[in-house]
Structure formats: C-alpha cells, structure tokens
Amino acid sequence: MSQKTEKIIHWPTLNTVIMVENTLKKIEESVIKISELKRKLPRQVNHNTLMLILQYLENSNKILVGLRGITWIHNPSPKLRRAIAKGTEI
C-alpha cells in the first residue's frame, strides 16, 4: 500500500458514493464548486471522504475536476459509444 492510502482513516460507504454520484448527475449547472456540492448533498459528508469520492469518480471518467469546479461527463448512451467506435480520429 502507498503512504497516501495508509493515511485514510475512513473509507466512504457505497451509499455515500452513490449519493454523491446521483447529486452530481442531477445538477443543472454545467460546473459546480465543491462548496456548492456540499450544500446540495442530502446528508453531510466529511471533506476528506468527499475528496476521496471525487477522486474515484474522476479516475472512473465520470467527472472532470478543473480549476472552475466539477463537471459530470459520463454518458452511458450506446449510440454515443457506437459513434465513437466508428468515428475517425482527427
């Protein structure tokens, strides 16, 4: 295990990860700040736990975290997947 992983005292539960994911999916704005996300969550989430969840969602290509905030980018559409697979690279 890396040193970074060993320092994590509390791992998020699956329910907490799903809650954050669903909240991000439903947000109408295209970009949201972490502080705004915390206010929109149905339950309070520890800051370090939230950061761990956001890191997981970014690593799984569901969100993009940038300087201006967080953006939901995951699109499970089979039509989109086929178009990307058939498309030509520029």
N, C-alpha and C. Protein backbone atom coordinates (compact mmCIF):
# COMPACT_ATOMS: atom_id res chain seq x y z
N MET A 1 0.83 -1.18 0.00
CA MET A 1 0.00 0.00 0.00
C MET A 1 0.87 1.25 0.00
N SER A 2 0.41 2.28 -0.68
CA SER A 2 1.17 3.52 -0.69
C SER A 2 0.92 4.30 0.60
N GLN A 3 1.78 5.26 0.86
CA GLN A 3 1.62 6.06 2.07
C GLN A 3 0.32 6.83 2.04
N LYS A 4 -0.09 7.29 0.88
CA LYS A 4 -1.32 8.07 0.76
C LYS A 4 -2.52 7.23 1.17
N THR A 5 -2.56 5.96 0.79
CA THR A 5 -3.67 5.09 1.11
C THR A 5 -3.69 4.74 2.59
N GLU A 6 -2.54 4.61 3.19
CA GLU A 6 -2.47 4.23 4.60
C GLU A 6 -3.00 5.32 5.51
N LYS A 7 -2.91 6.59 5.10
CA LYS A 7 -3.35 7.70 5.94
C LYS A 7 -4.87 7.85 5.98
N ILE A 8 -5.57 7.23 5.06
CA ILE A 8 -7.03 7.35 5.02
C ILE A 8 -7.60 6.54 6.18
N ILE A 9 -8.27 7.24 7.07
CA ILE A 9 -8.83 6.58 8.25
C ILE A 9 -10.23 6.07 7.97
N HIS A 10 -11.00 6.82 7.20
CA HIS A 10 -12.39 6.46 6.96
C HIS A 10 -12.65 6.34 5.47
N TRP A 11 -13.04 5.16 5.03
CA TRP A 11 -13.40 4.95 3.64
C TRP A 11 -14.89 5.21 3.46
N PRO A 12 -15.31 5.80 2.34
CA PRO A 12 -16.73 6.06 2.13
C PRO A 12 -17.51 4.77 1.92
N THR A 13 -18.75 4.79 2.35
CA THR A 13 -19.61 3.64 2.09
C THR A 13 -20.15 3.73 0.67
N LEU A 14 -20.64 2.63 0.17
CA LEU A 14 -21.22 2.61 -1.18
C LEU A 14 -22.40 3.57 -1.26
N ASN A 15 -23.21 3.63 -0.21
CA ASN A 15 -24.36 4.56 -0.20
C ASN A 15 -23.92 6.00 -0.35
N THR A 16 -22.81 6.37 0.30
CA THR A 16 -22.31 7.74 0.21
C THR A 16 -21.79 8.03 -1.20
N VAL A 17 -21.08 7.08 -1.79
CA VAL A 17 -20.59 7.26 -3.16
C VAL A 17 -21.76 7.44 -4.12
N ILE A 18 -22.78 6.62 -3.99
CA ILE A 18 -23.96 6.69 -4.86
C ILE A 18 -24.69 8.01 -4.65
N MET A 19 -24.78 8.47 -3.40
CA MET A 19 -25.44 9.73 -3.10
C MET A 19 -24.73 10.89 -3.80
N VAL A 20 -23.41 10.93 -3.72
CA VAL A 20 -22.63 12.00 -4.37
C VAL A 20 -22.78 11.90 -5.89
N GLU A 21 -22.70 10.69 -6.41
CA GLU A 21 -22.82 10.48 -7.86
C GLU A 21 -24.19 10.95 -8.36
N ASN A 22 -25.25 10.56 -7.68
CA ASN A 22 -26.61 10.96 -8.09
C ASN A 22 -26.80 12.47 -7.99
N THR A 23 -26.24 13.09 -6.97
CA THR A 23 -26.35 14.54 -6.82
C THR A 23 -25.65 15.24 -7.98
N LEU A 24 -24.47 14.77 -8.34
CA LEU A 24 -23.74 15.38 -9.46
C LEU A 24 -24.49 15.20 -10.78
N LYS A 25 -25.12 14.04 -10.97
CA LYS A 25 -25.87 13.80 -12.21
C LYS A 25 -27.04 14.77 -12.35
N LYS A 26 -27.70 15.09 -11.24
CA LYS A 26 -28.93 15.89 -11.26
C LYS A 26 -28.69 17.39 -11.29
N ILE A 27 -27.46 17.82 -11.09
CA ILE A 27 -27.17 19.26 -11.03
C ILE A 27 -27.40 19.89 -12.40
N GLU A 28 -28.13 21.01 -12.41
CA GLU A 28 -28.48 21.66 -13.66
C GLU A 28 -27.33 22.48 -14.24
N GLU A 29 -26.47 23.03 -13.37
CA GLU A 29 -25.35 23.82 -13.85
C GLU A 29 -24.33 22.89 -14.51
N SER A 30 -23.56 23.44 -15.44
CA SER A 30 -22.56 22.59 -16.10
C SER A 30 -21.32 22.41 -15.23
N VAL A 31 -21.03 23.39 -14.37
CA VAL A 31 -19.87 23.31 -13.49
C VAL A 31 -20.33 23.69 -12.09
N ILE A 32 -19.86 22.93 -11.09
CA ILE A 32 -20.23 23.23 -9.70
C ILE A 32 -18.98 23.19 -8.83
N LYS A 33 -18.91 24.10 -7.90
CA LYS A 33 -17.79 24.13 -6.96
C LYS A 33 -18.04 23.12 -5.84
N ILE A 34 -16.97 22.68 -5.19
CA ILE A 34 -17.09 21.69 -4.12
C ILE A 34 -17.96 22.22 -2.99
N SER A 35 -17.82 23.50 -2.66
CA SER A 35 -18.63 24.07 -1.59
C SER A 35 -20.12 24.04 -1.93
N GLU A 36 -20.47 24.29 -3.21
CA GLU A 36 -21.87 24.21 -3.64
C GLU A 36 -22.36 22.77 -3.60
N LEU A 37 -21.50 21.84 -4.00
CA LEU A 37 -21.87 20.42 -3.97
C LEU A 37 -22.19 20.00 -2.54
N LYS A 38 -21.37 20.41 -1.60
CA LYS A 38 -21.61 20.07 -0.20
C LYS A 38 -22.98 20.55 0.26
N ARG A 39 -23.39 21.74 -0.17
CA ARG A 39 -24.70 22.28 0.22
C ARG A 39 -25.85 21.51 -0.42
N LYS A 40 -25.63 20.97 -1.62
CA LYS A 40 -26.70 20.28 -2.34
C LYS A 40 -26.86 18.81 -1.94
N LEU A 41 -25.87 18.26 -1.25
CA LEU A 41 -25.96 16.87 -0.84
C LEU A 41 -27.05 16.70 0.21
N PRO A 42 -27.83 15.60 0.14
CA PRO A 42 -28.90 15.37 1.12
C PRO A 42 -28.39 15.19 2.55
N ARG A 43 -27.18 14.66 2.70
CA ARG A 43 -26.57 14.46 4.02
C ARG A 43 -25.18 15.08 4.00
N GLN A 44 -24.69 15.46 5.18
CA GLN A 44 -23.33 15.98 5.26
C GLN A 44 -22.33 14.87 5.03
N VAL A 45 -21.24 15.22 4.35
CA VAL A 45 -20.17 14.27 4.09
C VAL A 45 -18.86 14.92 4.53
N ASN A 46 -18.05 14.18 5.23
CA ASN A 46 -16.73 14.65 5.67
C ASN A 46 -15.95 15.12 4.44
N HIS A 47 -15.23 16.23 4.57
CA HIS A 47 -14.49 16.80 3.43
C HIS A 47 -13.50 15.80 2.83
N ASN A 48 -12.72 15.12 3.68
CA ASN A 48 -11.74 14.16 3.17
C ASN A 48 -12.43 12.99 2.46
N THR A 49 -13.56 12.56 2.99
CA THR A 49 -14.32 11.48 2.36
C THR A 49 -14.85 11.94 1.00
N LEU A 50 -15.36 13.16 0.94
CA LEU A 50 -15.87 13.70 -0.32
C LEU A 50 -14.75 13.80 -1.35
N MET A 51 -13.57 14.25 -0.93
CA MET A 51 -12.45 14.36 -1.85
C MET A 51 -12.04 12.98 -2.38
N LEU A 52 -12.10 11.97 -1.54
CA LEU A 52 -11.79 10.61 -1.97
C LEU A 52 -12.82 10.11 -2.99
N ILE A 53 -14.09 10.42 -2.76
CA ILE A 53 -15.15 10.03 -3.71
C ILE A 53 -14.95 10.75 -5.04
N LEU A 54 -14.63 12.04 -5.00
CA LEU A 54 -14.42 12.80 -6.23
C LEU A 54 -13.21 12.26 -7.00
N GLN A 55 -12.19 11.86 -6.28
CA GLN A 55 -11.01 11.27 -6.93
C GLN A 55 -11.40 9.96 -7.62
N TYR A 56 -12.20 9.14 -6.96
CA TYR A 56 -12.67 7.88 -7.56
C TYR A 56 -13.50 8.17 -8.81
N LEU A 57 -14.44 9.13 -8.73
CA LEU A 57 -15.30 9.44 -9.88
C LEU A 57 -14.48 10.00 -11.05
N GLU A 58 -13.45 10.76 -10.74
CA GLU A 58 -12.59 11.29 -11.81
C GLU A 58 -11.77 10.17 -12.44
N ASN A 59 -11.24 9.27 -11.63
CA ASN A 59 -10.46 8.15 -12.15
C ASN A 59 -11.31 7.20 -12.99
N SER A 60 -12.61 7.12 -12.70
CA SER A 60 -13.50 6.25 -13.48
C SER A 60 -14.16 7.00 -14.64
N ASN A 61 -13.65 8.21 -14.94
CA ASN A 61 -14.11 9.02 -16.08
C ASN A 61 -15.58 9.39 -16.02
N LYS A 62 -16.09 9.63 -14.83
CA LYS A 62 -17.47 10.08 -14.68
C LYS A 62 -17.56 11.58 -14.48
N ILE A 63 -16.51 12.17 -13.91
CA ILE A 63 -16.48 13.62 -13.71
C ILE A 63 -15.13 14.15 -14.18
N LEU A 64 -15.11 15.46 -14.37
CA LEU A 64 -13.87 16.15 -14.68
C LEU A 64 -13.74 17.25 -13.63
N VAL A 65 -12.62 17.27 -12.94
CA VAL A 65 -12.36 18.29 -11.93
C VAL A 65 -11.37 19.27 -12.52
N GLY A 66 -11.79 20.52 -12.61
CA GLY A 66 -10.94 21.56 -13.18
C GLY A 66 -10.80 22.73 -12.23
N LEU A 67 -10.20 23.79 -12.70
CA LEU A 67 -9.99 24.98 -11.88
C LEU A 67 -11.31 25.64 -11.51
N ARG A 68 -12.29 25.58 -12.38
CA ARG A 68 -13.57 26.26 -12.14
C ARG A 68 -14.55 25.40 -11.35
N GLY A 69 -14.27 24.09 -11.23
CA GLY A 69 -15.17 23.23 -10.47
C GLY A 69 -15.26 21.83 -11.05
N ILE A 70 -16.39 21.19 -10.78
CA ILE A 70 -16.61 19.80 -11.16
C ILE A 70 -17.68 19.74 -12.25
N THR A 71 -17.45 18.90 -13.25
CA THR A 71 -18.41 18.71 -14.34
C THR A 71 -18.68 17.23 -14.52
N TRP A 72 -19.96 16.86 -14.66
CA TRP A 72 -20.35 15.48 -14.93
C TRP A 72 -20.13 15.23 -16.42
N ILE A 73 -19.33 14.20 -16.78
CA ILE A 73 -19.02 13.95 -18.19
C ILE A 73 -19.44 12.56 -18.66
N HIS A 74 -19.87 11.70 -17.75
CA HIS A 74 -20.20 10.32 -18.12
C HIS A 74 -21.49 10.29 -18.93
N ASN A 75 -21.46 9.57 -20.05
CA ASN A 75 -22.64 9.40 -20.88
C ASN A 75 -22.74 7.93 -21.27
N PRO A 76 -23.70 7.19 -20.69
CA PRO A 76 -23.79 5.75 -20.94
C PRO A 76 -24.52 5.38 -22.24
N SER A 77 -24.78 6.34 -23.10
CA SER A 77 -25.56 6.10 -24.32
C SER A 77 -24.86 5.10 -25.25
N PRO A 78 -25.54 4.00 -25.61
CA PRO A 78 -24.95 3.05 -26.55
C PRO A 78 -24.73 3.67 -27.94
N LYS A 79 -25.60 4.60 -28.33
CA LYS A 79 -25.44 5.27 -29.63
C LYS A 79 -24.15 6.08 -29.65
N LEU A 80 -23.86 6.76 -28.55
CA LEU A 80 -22.63 7.53 -28.47
C LEU A 80 -21.42 6.62 -28.53
N ARG A 81 -21.47 5.50 -27.83
CA ARG A 81 -20.34 4.55 -27.85
C ARG A 81 -20.10 4.01 -29.26
N ARG A 82 -21.17 3.69 -29.99
CA ARG A 82 -21.02 3.20 -31.37
C ARG A 82 -20.44 4.29 -32.27
N ALA A 83 -20.92 5.53 -32.10
CA ALA A 83 -20.42 6.63 -32.92
C ALA A 83 -18.93 6.86 -32.67
N ILE A 84 -18.51 6.77 -31.42
CA ILE A 84 -17.09 6.95 -31.09
C ILE A 84 -16.28 5.80 -31.68
N ALA A 85 -16.80 4.58 -31.59
CA ALA A 85 -16.08 3.41 -32.11
C ALA A 85 -15.92 3.47 -33.64
N LYS A 86 -16.96 3.97 -34.33
CA LYS A 86 -16.92 4.04 -35.79
C LYS A 86 -16.26 5.30 -36.33
N GLY A 87 -16.14 6.31 -35.49
CA GLY A 87 -15.60 7.59 -35.92
C GLY A 87 -14.13 7.51 -36.30
N THR A 88 -13.73 8.50 -37.08
CA THR A 88 -12.32 8.57 -37.47
C THR A 88 -11.62 9.60 -36.58
N GLU A 89 -10.38 9.29 -36.26
CA GLU A 89 -9.61 10.17 -35.39
C GLU A 89 -9.01 11.30 -36.21
N ILE A 90 -9.05 12.49 -35.66
CA ILE A 90 -8.54 13.67 -36.39
C ILE A 90 -7.12 13.92 -35.97
